[in-house]
Structures are given as structure tokens and as C-alpha cells.
Amino acid sequence: MASPTERSTEARILDSAIIEFAQRGFAGARVQAIADDARANIRMIYHYFQSKEGLFRAVMHEVSRRRAAELREMMSTPPTTLEELAVIFFDSYSRQPLGTRLLQWEALEFDRSDKADADDSWVNAEERSRAATERVELIRRMQAAGHLDAEIDPESLYVALVGIALSPLVFPALVGSATGQHGSDPEFRERYRRTIATLANQIAPGKALGSK
């Protein structure tokens, strides 16, 4: 078992790597810069993570772990309406801008879906699939309860809700062009949050799950 000092060094490396990879992507990130920021010897990075790619994969695991923990807290009382679920998605991504930037870099640098010999290149794909399945199941339950049109594909709707939640973070220039504000502006976020809630309520108006 690693000592507290070793765990602290590993945690510092991960924290520094999250920032460096989020700012520069995998190709642009410098391992030495991560070591310097973490106040660690560069050899410790290779001791813990074996390679730069191993460190990137550990970063993606850690970011996913943190977001999953936050979502568990936000969904400790499970959402019972599509409106609640949509707003939770937006709030969770808005609270982790570095995680969103990492998802963008991962898509740019690691997506091999257009290759004939593509393998499963996404980090912790199985964990992500389980989490997505749980959220799709919430949508299915809304359909089963009669609060959402059964003709709507629940998996596609889940993808759409996440896409809506991510849009201001992923496309800040779009926000600026349309509103003259930045995607991180609190006033815009509140406007956008209300819009998401209204849209979700238009898609699935009515009662919460379990209501009569």
C-alpha cells in the first residue's frame, strides 16, 4: 500500500496533469511542466503512470470519477421529470469546465471511429456506458409512466440532453455571436438554464414519476 506521502505526490501529479492536458491537449502537454507544477520528480510520473498516455488515461479516469461523485450527490434524490434531469446535466458540466475541455481534446486526438480497424479507444468506456445506461433508464421510466412520448428514442434523447448541456461550454464563440455574452457569464447561464428547463418541460409536460 502506498504511504500517505506517495499518495499525496500522485494526487498532486493528477491535479497538475488535469490542468496541463485541459489547456494543451495530449500532444501539446509537457510532462516536465506537469512534474514542475506538481513539485515532483519527472521519474515519479513514469513510476506511477508508466507513460504520457498512461497519465492521460489516469486523468480521464479521475475526471470521470469526480464528475460521477458529483452527479451521485446531485441525484441523491433521483430526478423524476425530464426538466430536472436536463438541468442536472447542465449544472454538473458547468461546474467542471476543465473536464469538458478534456472531453474535447479526447475527441480530437483519440477518436478512431472513422478508421476501419478502430478499436475501443475511449478511456474507461465501460464505466461511461454503465453511467449512461442508468440515465437512459430514468428516461425509459418516464416513458413507462406515461410522462414522455413513447415514440421518442430514449438513448438519442439522452445524447441530445447532454449535447444541449455542453453547448455553451464547447462553443463559446456561438454564445458570444448570439448573445454578446460569454458562456461562463452567470447571467447567461441562468438564462440558458431556464431555457433548458422550459424545453424539457415542453418535451415531457405533466407529472413527476410516481405521481397520479
Protein backbone atom coordinates (compact mmCIF):
# COMPACT_ATOMS: atom_id res chain seq x y z
CA MET A 1 0.00 0.00 0.00
CA ALA A 2 1.31 3.45 -0.88
CA SER A 3 2.28 5.69 2.00
CA PRO A 4 0.39 8.97 2.62
CA THR A 5 3.35 10.86 1.13
CA GLU A 6 3.27 8.76 -2.04
CA ARG A 7 -0.48 9.17 -2.36
CA SER A 8 -0.09 12.91 -1.96
CA THR A 9 2.54 13.03 -4.71
CA GLU A 10 0.33 11.02 -7.04
CA ALA A 11 -2.64 13.29 -6.30
CA ARG A 12 -0.55 16.41 -6.98
CA ILE A 13 0.58 14.96 -10.30
CA LEU A 14 -3.01 14.20 -11.31
CA ASP A 15 -4.19 17.70 -10.35
CA SER A 16 -1.38 19.31 -12.36
CA ALA A 17 -1.94 16.96 -15.30
CA ILE A 18 -5.65 17.78 -15.44
CA ILE A 19 -4.80 21.46 -15.92
CA GLU A 20 -1.97 20.87 -18.41
CA PHE A 21 -3.92 18.43 -20.58
CA ALA A 22 -7.04 20.62 -20.46
CA GLN A 23 -5.05 23.64 -21.62
CA ARG A 24 -2.84 21.99 -24.25
CA GLY A 25 -4.33 18.65 -25.15
CA PHE A 26 -2.43 15.37 -25.19
CA ALA A 27 0.02 16.27 -27.94
CA GLY A 28 0.80 19.74 -26.61
CA ALA A 29 1.10 18.88 -22.93
CA ARG A 30 4.61 18.65 -21.48
CA VAL A 31 5.35 16.01 -18.88
CA GLN A 32 8.14 18.16 -17.44
CA ALA A 33 5.70 21.04 -16.94
CA ILE A 34 3.37 18.70 -15.06
CA ALA A 35 6.22 17.49 -12.86
CA ASP A 36 7.36 21.05 -12.13
CA ASP A 37 3.86 22.22 -11.23
CA ALA A 38 3.30 19.16 -9.02
CA ARG A 39 6.67 19.67 -7.30
CA ALA A 40 7.57 16.12 -8.27
CA ASN A 41 10.49 14.43 -9.97
CA ILE A 42 9.58 13.53 -13.54
CA ARG A 43 10.64 9.95 -12.81
CA MET A 44 7.75 9.71 -10.34
CA ILE A 45 5.30 10.33 -13.17
CA TYR A 46 6.63 7.31 -15.04
CA HIS A 47 6.73 5.34 -11.79
CA TYR A 48 3.01 5.90 -11.20
CA PHE A 49 1.70 6.10 -14.77
CA GLN A 50 4.34 4.39 -16.98
CA SER A 51 3.94 6.81 -19.89
CA LYS A 52 2.43 10.10 -21.01
CA GLU A 53 -0.55 8.23 -22.43
CA GLY A 54 -0.90 6.32 -19.17
CA LEU A 55 -1.02 9.65 -17.35
CA PHE A 56 -3.64 10.99 -19.74
CA ARG A 57 -5.78 7.90 -19.26
CA ALA A 58 -5.44 8.27 -15.47
CA VAL A 59 -6.51 11.91 -15.78
CA MET A 60 -9.62 10.92 -17.74
CA HIS A 61 -10.42 8.26 -15.13
CA GLU A 62 -10.03 10.83 -12.34
CA VAL A 63 -12.16 13.45 -14.07
CA SER A 64 -14.86 10.84 -14.71
CA ARG A 65 -14.67 9.72 -11.09
CA ARG A 66 -15.07 13.27 -9.79
CA ARG A 67 -17.99 14.01 -12.08
CA ALA A 68 -19.68 10.71 -11.17
CA ALA A 69 -19.30 11.55 -7.48
CA GLU A 70 -20.79 14.99 -8.03
CA LEU A 71 -23.68 13.56 -10.05
CA ARG A 72 -24.38 10.98 -7.34
CA GLU A 73 -24.65 13.84 -4.86
CA MET A 74 -26.83 15.93 -7.18
CA MET A 75 -29.03 12.88 -7.87
CA SER A 76 -29.15 11.60 -4.30
CA THR A 77 -32.86 12.21 -4.73
CA PRO A 78 -33.33 10.81 -8.25
CA PRO A 79 -34.87 13.29 -10.73
CA THR A 80 -38.43 12.42 -11.56
CA THR A 81 -39.02 14.74 -14.51
CA LEU A 82 -37.14 15.38 -17.74
CA GLU A 83 -36.83 19.03 -16.69
CA GLU A 84 -34.97 18.07 -13.51
CA LEU A 85 -32.69 15.68 -15.38
CA ALA A 86 -31.82 18.24 -18.07
CA VAL A 87 -30.96 20.91 -15.51
CA ILE A 88 -28.79 18.50 -13.53
CA PHE A 89 -26.80 17.69 -16.67
CA PHE A 90 -26.23 21.39 -17.35
CA ASP A 91 -25.25 22.18 -13.76
CA SER A 92 -22.84 19.24 -13.50
CA TYR A 93 -20.95 20.08 -16.70
CA SER A 94 -20.90 23.80 -15.87
CA ARG A 95 -19.18 23.06 -12.58
CA GLN A 96 -16.35 21.15 -14.29
CA PRO A 97 -15.09 23.24 -17.23
CA LEU A 98 -11.69 21.51 -17.23
CA GLY A 99 -13.39 18.15 -17.55
CA THR A 100 -15.34 19.43 -20.53
CA ARG A 101 -12.16 20.71 -22.18
CA LEU A 102 -10.59 17.29 -21.69
CA LEU A 103 -13.55 15.63 -23.38
CA GLN A 104 -13.00 17.93 -26.36
CA TRP A 105 -9.30 17.11 -26.57
CA GLU A 106 -10.03 13.40 -26.22
CA ALA A 107 -12.49 13.58 -29.13
CA LEU A 108 -9.97 15.45 -31.29
CA GLU A 109 -6.94 13.32 -30.52
CA PHE A 110 -8.22 9.83 -29.74
CA ASP A 111 -11.38 9.29 -31.79
CA ARG A 112 -10.72 6.48 -34.28
CA SER A 113 -14.36 5.75 -35.13
CA ASP A 114 -13.74 6.60 -38.80
CA LYS A 115 -10.97 4.01 -39.09
CA ALA A 116 -11.64 0.55 -40.49
CA ASP A 117 -9.53 -1.06 -37.76
CA ALA A 118 -10.83 1.16 -34.97
CA ASP A 119 -10.79 -0.39 -31.52
CA ASP A 120 -12.36 0.84 -28.30
CA SER A 121 -10.05 3.79 -27.77
CA TRP A 122 -12.13 5.70 -25.24
CA VAL A 123 -10.85 5.78 -21.69
CA ASN A 124 -12.99 3.90 -19.12
CA ALA A 125 -15.58 3.18 -21.82
CA GLU A 126 -17.24 0.50 -19.69
CA GLU A 127 -17.76 2.87 -16.75
CA ARG A 128 -19.17 5.53 -19.06
CA SER A 129 -21.52 3.02 -20.64
CA ARG A 130 -22.85 1.94 -17.25
CA ALA A 131 -23.44 5.56 -16.20
CA ALA A 132 -25.19 6.38 -19.49
CA THR A 133 -27.36 3.27 -19.19
CA GLU A 134 -28.52 4.36 -15.74
CA ARG A 135 -29.54 7.77 -17.06
CA VAL A 136 -31.26 6.34 -20.12
CA GLU A 137 -33.19 4.08 -17.75
CA LEU A 138 -34.57 7.16 -15.99
CA ILE A 139 -35.91 8.34 -19.34
CA ARG A 140 -37.40 4.90 -20.02
CA ARG A 141 -39.16 5.03 -16.66
CA MET A 142 -40.71 8.37 -17.61
CA GLN A 143 -41.98 6.75 -20.81
CA ALA A 144 -43.32 3.74 -18.92
CA ALA A 145 -45.15 6.07 -16.53
CA GLY A 146 -46.75 7.86 -19.47
CA HIS A 147 -44.96 11.18 -18.88
CA LEU A 148 -42.91 11.08 -22.07
CA ASP A 149 -43.91 10.18 -25.62
CA ALA A 150 -43.11 6.50 -26.17
CA GLU A 151 -42.10 7.27 -29.76
CA ILE A 152 -39.03 9.21 -28.58
CA ASP A 153 -35.83 7.17 -28.68
CA PRO A 154 -34.57 7.40 -25.06
CA GLU A 155 -30.92 6.86 -25.97
CA SER A 156 -30.98 9.60 -28.59
CA LEU A 157 -32.81 11.90 -26.20
CA TYR A 158 -30.11 11.32 -23.58
CA VAL A 159 -27.42 12.25 -26.13
CA ALA A 160 -29.41 15.36 -27.07
CA LEU A 161 -29.80 16.47 -23.45
CA VAL A 162 -26.07 16.11 -22.80
CA GLY A 163 -25.32 17.95 -26.04
CA ILE A 164 -27.58 20.83 -25.01
CA ALA A 165 -25.91 20.95 -21.61
CA LEU A 166 -22.42 21.06 -23.13
CA SER A 167 -23.11 23.50 -25.96
CA PRO A 168 -22.23 26.81 -24.22
CA LEU A 169 -19.02 25.32 -22.85
CA VAL A 170 -17.97 23.74 -26.13
CA PHE A 171 -18.96 26.64 -28.40
CA PRO A 172 -18.25 29.91 -26.52
CA ALA A 173 -17.99 31.81 -29.83
CA LEU A 174 -21.54 30.75 -30.65
CA VAL A 175 -22.74 32.15 -27.34
CA GLY A 176 -20.87 35.40 -27.99
CA SER A 177 -22.27 35.74 -31.51
CA ALA A 178 -25.84 35.10 -30.41
CA THR A 179 -25.91 36.99 -27.12
CA GLY A 180 -22.84 39.20 -26.81
CA GLN A 181 -22.04 37.34 -23.60
CA HIS A 182 -19.57 34.63 -22.65
CA GLY A 183 -20.76 31.11 -21.92
CA SER A 184 -19.42 31.40 -18.37
CA ASP A 185 -21.28 34.65 -17.67
CA PRO A 186 -23.59 33.98 -14.67
CA GLU A 187 -26.45 35.96 -16.22
CA PHE A 188 -26.25 33.98 -19.46
CA ARG A 189 -26.01 30.67 -17.61
CA GLU A 190 -29.16 31.46 -15.69
CA ARG A 191 -30.98 32.41 -18.91
CA TYR A 192 -29.77 29.24 -20.58
CA ARG A 193 -30.65 27.12 -17.58
CA ARG A 194 -34.22 28.44 -17.63
CA THR A 195 -34.43 27.78 -21.36
CA ILE A 196 -33.27 24.18 -20.93
CA ALA A 197 -35.88 23.65 -18.21
CA THR A 198 -38.62 25.10 -20.42
CA LEU A 199 -37.62 22.99 -23.42
CA ALA A 200 -37.52 19.80 -21.36
CA ASN A 201 -40.93 20.62 -19.94
CA GLN A 202 -42.28 21.13 -23.45
CA ILE A 203 -40.97 17.70 -24.46
CA ALA A 204 -42.34 15.97 -21.38
CA PRO A 205 -45.01 18.11 -19.66
CA GLY A 206 -47.02 16.66 -16.87
CA LYS A 207 -46.47 14.92 -13.58
CA ALA A 208 -43.37 13.57 -11.95
CA LEU A 209 -42.65 9.87 -11.80
CA GLY A 210 -44.81 8.15 -9.26
CA SER A 211 -47.47 10.87 -9.23
CA LYS A 212 -51.08 10.16 -10.08
